[in-house]
Amino acid sequence: MINSIGIHFNITFIGAGNVAWHLAPALKDAGHHIVQVYSRTIESAEALARQVGAKATNVYEEVEPTSHIYIYALTDDSLQWVMNHIKIRKGLHIHTAGSMPISIFKQVRDNYGCLYPLQTFTKEKRVDLRKVPFFIEGNTPENETLINDIARCMSQKIYRLSSENRKELHLASVFACNFSNLMYIYAEKMLGRKNIPFEVLHGLITESVNKVKKIGPRAALTGPARRGDNRILDQHIALLHKDPDWQEIYTLLSEQIKRIE
């Protein structure tokens, strides 16, 4: 089978987590051959391997040595450790980590780069990768072109970004996604104390996100801190008296909102 770029590759996935569960099927659908899935637990490797018709292993020495491409879909903490144990120099080695430089490969691989999808992934929810921005980098122009071709099999939004700038992007995404999710968790906890279902906030969340996308975050910002309504702020802080950490967070965030011009 030939994919949209006219070439098909043999690909081994190192890691069987959330990112791999989305990229591996997409690359298979594009005509590439997913040869093997490695994971530290054989159950995880086998589960993804079944989805893409690949072999599975949890043994470093059994990782396929002749694949064209190795995609390391691992946590940042695991990447260095796993990479040092899989001693394969041949092929193109690509990690998917937002905050890790491609230089992590420099001493142990010849051809390498990064393919970073800017999206939050869970195994249970499918994502339309065509709309997901992918940020790519290669250690040579030729490798970067190849990584670009791989990305184009999955997405219509491809950007070249250096390791240094990708760190800033990753940090911004933590603020935009992970921290906002934490706020939802605490909001759900507060509502749960009064037996109020979290779903009552769904409309508010959806409208807030839509406004941010349409008019930008600064123009979409509302609330008591934005209005300078100190009476309401004091009332909210008093309600948080049993949660001093969240009192501090509420106060700090409110002060930051007040400073926005």
Protein backbone atom coordinates (compact mmCIF):
# COMPACT_ATOMS: atom_id res chain seq x y z
CA MET A 1 0.00 0.00 0.00
CA ILE A 2 1.25 3.48 -0.85
CA ASN A 3 0.32 6.45 1.31
CA SER A 4 -0.37 10.08 0.37
CA ILE A 5 3.34 10.94 0.08
CA GLY A 6 4.02 7.94 -2.13
CA ILE A 7 6.30 6.14 0.32
CA HIS A 8 5.59 3.65 3.05
CA PHE A 9 7.84 2.95 6.03
CA ASN A 10 8.34 0.20 8.55
CA ILE A 11 7.78 1.84 11.93
CA THR A 12 8.46 0.65 15.47
CA PHE A 13 6.75 2.39 18.38
CA ILE A 14 8.68 2.68 21.62
CA GLY A 15 5.95 3.23 24.19
CA ALA A 16 2.28 2.26 24.21
CA GLY A 17 0.68 5.16 26.07
CA ASN A 18 -1.91 7.73 25.06
CA VAL A 19 0.13 9.38 22.28
CA ALA A 20 1.10 6.06 20.69
CA TRP A 21 -2.54 4.92 20.74
CA HIS A 22 -3.41 7.80 18.43
CA LEU A 23 -0.34 8.07 16.20
CA ALA A 24 0.14 4.37 15.48
CA PRO A 25 -3.37 3.77 14.01
CA ALA A 26 -3.16 7.02 12.04
CA LEU A 27 0.15 6.04 10.47
CA LYS A 28 -1.15 2.56 9.73
CA ASP A 29 -4.21 4.06 8.04
CA ALA A 30 -1.85 6.22 5.95
CA GLY A 31 -0.24 3.09 4.55
CA HIS A 32 2.76 2.64 6.81
CA HIS A 33 3.59 -0.72 8.36
CA ILE A 34 3.67 -0.69 12.16
CA VAL A 35 6.16 -3.49 12.65
CA GLN A 36 6.40 -3.60 16.42
CA VAL A 37 5.32 -2.00 19.68
CA TYR A 38 7.64 -1.96 22.67
CA SER A 39 6.47 -1.21 26.19
CA ARG A 40 7.88 -1.99 29.62
CA THR A 41 4.77 -4.09 30.27
CA ILE A 42 3.90 -6.75 27.73
CA GLU A 43 0.16 -6.21 28.34
CA SER A 44 0.39 -2.59 27.17
CA ALA A 45 2.51 -3.52 24.16
CA GLU A 46 0.13 -6.31 23.13
CA ALA A 47 -2.98 -4.14 23.49
CA LEU A 48 -1.70 -1.53 21.03
CA ALA A 49 -0.05 -4.12 18.78
CA ARG A 50 -3.41 -5.82 18.28
CA GLN A 51 -4.90 -2.53 17.10
CA VAL A 52 -2.30 -2.04 14.36
CA GLY A 53 -1.36 -5.61 13.42
CA ALA A 54 2.12 -5.43 14.93
CA LYS A 55 4.34 -7.62 17.05
CA ALA A 56 4.74 -6.79 20.74
CA THR A 57 7.68 -6.97 23.11
CA ASN A 58 8.80 -5.74 26.50
CA VAL A 59 12.41 -6.83 26.02
CA TYR A 60 14.98 -4.24 24.89
CA GLU A 61 17.07 -6.76 23.00
CA GLU A 62 14.06 -7.89 20.97
CA VAL A 63 13.27 -4.46 19.49
CA GLU A 64 13.25 -4.78 15.69
CA PRO A 65 16.67 -3.57 14.43
CA THR A 66 15.70 -3.01 10.78
CA SER A 67 12.77 -0.56 11.01
CA HIS A 68 13.03 2.61 8.98
CA ILE A 69 11.60 4.79 11.77
CA TYR A 70 11.45 4.52 15.57
CA ILE A 71 8.90 6.73 17.32
CA TYR A 72 9.53 7.21 21.04
CA ALA A 73 6.11 8.03 22.49
CA LEU A 74 7.26 8.17 26.10
CA THR A 75 7.14 10.43 29.12
CA ASP A 76 10.05 12.85 29.39
CA ASP A 77 11.40 10.99 32.42
CA SER A 78 11.39 7.65 30.59
CA LEU A 79 12.85 8.83 27.29
CA GLN A 80 16.52 9.06 28.23
CA TRP A 81 16.50 5.82 30.19
CA VAL A 82 14.75 3.76 27.51
CA MET A 83 16.81 5.28 24.70
CA ASN A 84 20.05 4.27 26.40
CA HIS A 85 18.86 0.68 26.74
CA ILE A 86 17.68 0.27 23.14
CA LYS A 87 21.00 0.37 21.32
CA ILE A 88 19.91 0.75 17.71
CA ARG A 89 21.69 3.45 15.68
CA LYS A 90 20.22 2.72 12.26
CA GLY A 91 16.98 4.30 11.13
CA LEU A 92 15.38 7.63 11.94
CA HIS A 93 14.67 8.10 15.65
CA ILE A 94 11.88 10.53 16.60
CA HIS A 95 10.55 11.50 20.00
CA THR A 96 7.15 13.09 20.66
CA ALA A 97 8.03 15.04 23.82
CA GLY A 98 7.27 18.74 23.96
CA SER A 99 9.93 19.76 26.45
CA MET A 100 12.85 17.53 25.40
CA PRO A 101 15.48 18.78 22.93
CA ILE A 102 16.42 16.60 19.98
CA SER A 103 20.03 16.76 21.20
CA ILE A 104 19.09 14.02 23.67
CA PHE A 105 19.76 11.64 20.74
CA LYS A 106 23.06 13.20 19.70
CA GLN A 107 25.52 10.80 21.31
CA VAL A 108 23.64 7.59 20.57
CA ARG A 109 21.83 8.07 17.24
CA ASP A 110 22.85 9.37 13.81
CA ASN A 111 19.47 10.47 12.42
CA TYR A 112 16.90 11.93 14.76
CA GLY A 113 14.30 14.58 15.46
CA CYS A 114 10.99 15.45 17.07
CA LEU A 115 7.34 15.05 16.08
CA TYR A 116 5.31 16.85 18.75
CA PRO A 117 1.49 16.83 18.49
CA LEU A 118 0.02 19.71 20.48
CA GLN A 119 -3.02 17.97 21.91
CA THR A 120 -4.17 16.23 25.05
CA PHE A 121 -4.68 12.53 24.40
CA THR A 122 -6.52 9.75 26.19
CA LYS A 123 -6.93 6.22 24.88
CA GLU A 124 -10.70 6.28 25.31
CA LYS A 125 -11.41 9.36 23.15
CA ARG A 126 -10.50 9.54 19.48
CA VAL A 127 -9.02 12.78 18.20
CA ASP A 128 -9.19 14.11 14.65
CA LEU A 129 -5.46 14.40 14.04
CA ARG A 130 -6.04 16.35 10.83
CA LYS A 131 -6.84 19.37 13.00
CA VAL A 132 -4.00 18.87 15.50
CA PRO A 133 -0.90 21.06 15.04
CA PHE A 134 2.32 19.06 14.78
CA PHE A 135 5.67 20.69 15.55
CA ILE A 136 8.66 19.10 13.88
CA GLU A 137 12.44 19.31 14.03
CA GLY A 138 15.24 17.24 12.55
CA ASN A 139 18.99 17.16 13.07
CA THR A 140 19.53 17.60 9.31
CA PRO A 141 17.42 19.23 6.60
CA GLU A 142 16.89 15.81 5.03
CA ASN A 143 15.62 14.29 8.28
CA GLU A 144 13.38 17.28 8.93
CA THR A 145 11.85 16.87 5.48
CA LEU A 146 11.21 13.20 6.20
CA ILE A 147 9.60 14.00 9.56
CA ASN A 148 7.48 16.62 7.79
CA ASP A 149 6.30 13.95 5.34
CA ILE A 150 5.38 11.64 8.22
CA ALA A 151 3.45 14.43 9.95
CA ARG A 152 1.58 15.28 6.74
CA CYS A 153 0.18 11.75 6.72
CA MET A 154 -1.74 12.66 9.86
CA SER A 155 -2.29 16.42 10.02
CA GLN A 156 -2.88 19.47 7.87
CA LYS A 157 -1.12 21.74 10.36
CA ILE A 158 2.66 21.30 10.36
CA TYR A 159 5.10 23.78 11.90
CA ARG A 160 8.88 23.76 12.14
CA LEU A 161 10.02 24.71 15.64
CA SER A 162 13.38 24.57 17.40
CA SER A 163 13.91 22.64 20.63
CA GLU A 164 14.29 25.90 22.57
CA ASN A 165 11.06 27.40 21.28
CA ARG A 166 9.23 24.10 21.73
CA LYS A 167 9.95 24.32 25.47
CA GLU A 168 8.08 27.64 25.57
CA LEU A 169 5.21 26.13 23.61
CA HIS A 170 5.03 23.20 26.02
CA LEU A 171 4.98 25.54 29.01
CA ALA A 172 2.18 27.60 27.46
CA SER A 173 0.17 24.43 26.82
CA VAL A 174 0.49 23.43 30.48
CA PHE A 175 -1.04 26.77 31.49
CA ALA A 176 -3.79 26.51 28.87
CA CYS A 177 -4.69 22.86 29.41
CA ASN A 178 -3.35 21.20 32.55
CA PHE A 179 -3.86 24.11 34.94
CA SER A 180 -7.35 24.80 33.60
CA ASN A 181 -8.20 21.12 34.12
CA LEU A 182 -7.03 21.43 37.71
CA MET A 183 -9.48 24.29 38.18
CA TYR A 184 -12.26 22.09 36.82
CA ILE A 185 -11.33 19.35 39.29
CA TYR A 186 -11.54 21.75 42.22
CA ALA A 187 -14.79 23.26 40.92
CA GLU A 188 -16.22 19.73 40.71
CA LYS A 189 -15.09 19.09 44.30
CA MET A 190 -16.77 22.27 45.58
CA LEU A 191 -20.02 21.47 43.81
CA GLY A 192 -19.92 17.89 45.06
CA ARG A 193 -19.93 19.09 48.65
CA LYS A 194 -23.37 20.55 47.98
CA ASN A 195 -24.56 17.69 45.77
CA ILE A 196 -24.56 19.92 42.69
CA PRO A 197 -23.64 18.04 39.47
CA PHE A 198 -20.57 19.29 37.62
CA GLU A 199 -22.52 19.28 34.37
CA VAL A 200 -24.20 22.55 35.38
CA LEU A 201 -20.88 24.21 34.46
CA HIS A 202 -20.67 22.62 31.01
CA GLY A 203 -22.39 25.50 29.24
CA LEU A 204 -20.23 28.07 31.02
CA ILE A 205 -17.05 26.19 30.11
CA THR A 206 -18.08 25.78 26.48
CA GLU A 207 -19.03 29.45 26.11
CA SER A 208 -15.78 30.56 27.75
CA VAL A 209 -13.70 28.47 25.38
CA ASN A 210 -15.67 29.66 22.35
CA LYS A 211 -15.19 33.29 23.36
CA VAL A 212 -11.45 32.79 23.84
CA LYS A 213 -11.21 31.30 20.35
CA LYS A 214 -13.29 34.07 18.80
CA ILE A 215 -12.13 37.27 20.54
CA GLY A 216 -8.96 36.20 22.39
CA PRO A 217 -8.30 35.47 26.08
CA ARG A 218 -7.84 39.06 27.23
CA ALA A 219 -11.15 40.30 25.76
CA ALA A 220 -12.97 37.19 27.02
CA LEU A 221 -11.84 37.65 30.62
CA THR A 222 -14.69 38.48 33.04
CA GLY A 223 -15.51 37.96 36.71
CA PRO A 224 -15.22 39.82 40.03
CA ALA A 225 -11.44 40.36 39.87
CA ARG A 226 -11.74 41.80 36.36
CA ARG A 227 -14.49 44.14 37.56
CA GLY A 228 -12.61 45.04 40.72
CA ASP A 229 -15.47 43.79 42.89
CA ASN A 230 -13.59 43.43 46.19
CA ARG A 231 -16.71 42.61 48.20
CA ILE A 232 -17.28 39.44 46.17
CA LEU A 233 -13.58 38.58 46.28
CA ASP A 234 -13.55 38.81 50.07
CA GLN A 235 -16.68 36.69 50.25
CA HIS A 236 -15.12 33.97 48.08
CA ILE A 237 -11.90 33.97 50.10
CA ALA A 238 -13.96 33.54 53.29
CA LEU A 239 -15.76 30.56 51.78
CA LEU A 240 -12.38 28.91 51.20
CA HIS A 241 -11.36 29.08 54.88
CA LYS A 242 -11.17 25.29 55.14
CA ASP A 243 -8.83 25.12 52.12
CA PRO A 244 -5.93 27.50 52.83
CA ASP A 245 -3.99 26.35 49.76
CA TRP A 246 -6.91 27.23 47.52
CA GLN A 247 -7.41 30.51 49.38
CA GLU A 248 -3.85 31.37 48.41
CA ILE A 249 -4.37 30.27 44.80
CA TYR A 250 -7.62 32.25 44.54
CA THR A 251 -5.95 35.37 45.94
CA LEU A 252 -2.90 35.06 43.69
CA LEU A 253 -4.93 34.50 40.54
CA SER A 254 -7.30 37.35 41.38
CA GLU A 255 -4.34 39.72 41.84
CA GLN A 256 -2.93 38.63 38.49
CA ILE A 257 -6.28 39.28 36.81
CA LYS A 258 -6.42 42.78 38.29
CA ARG A 259 -3.05 43.59 36.70
CA ILE A 260 -4.18 42.74 33.19
CA GLU A 261 -4.78 45.91 31.21
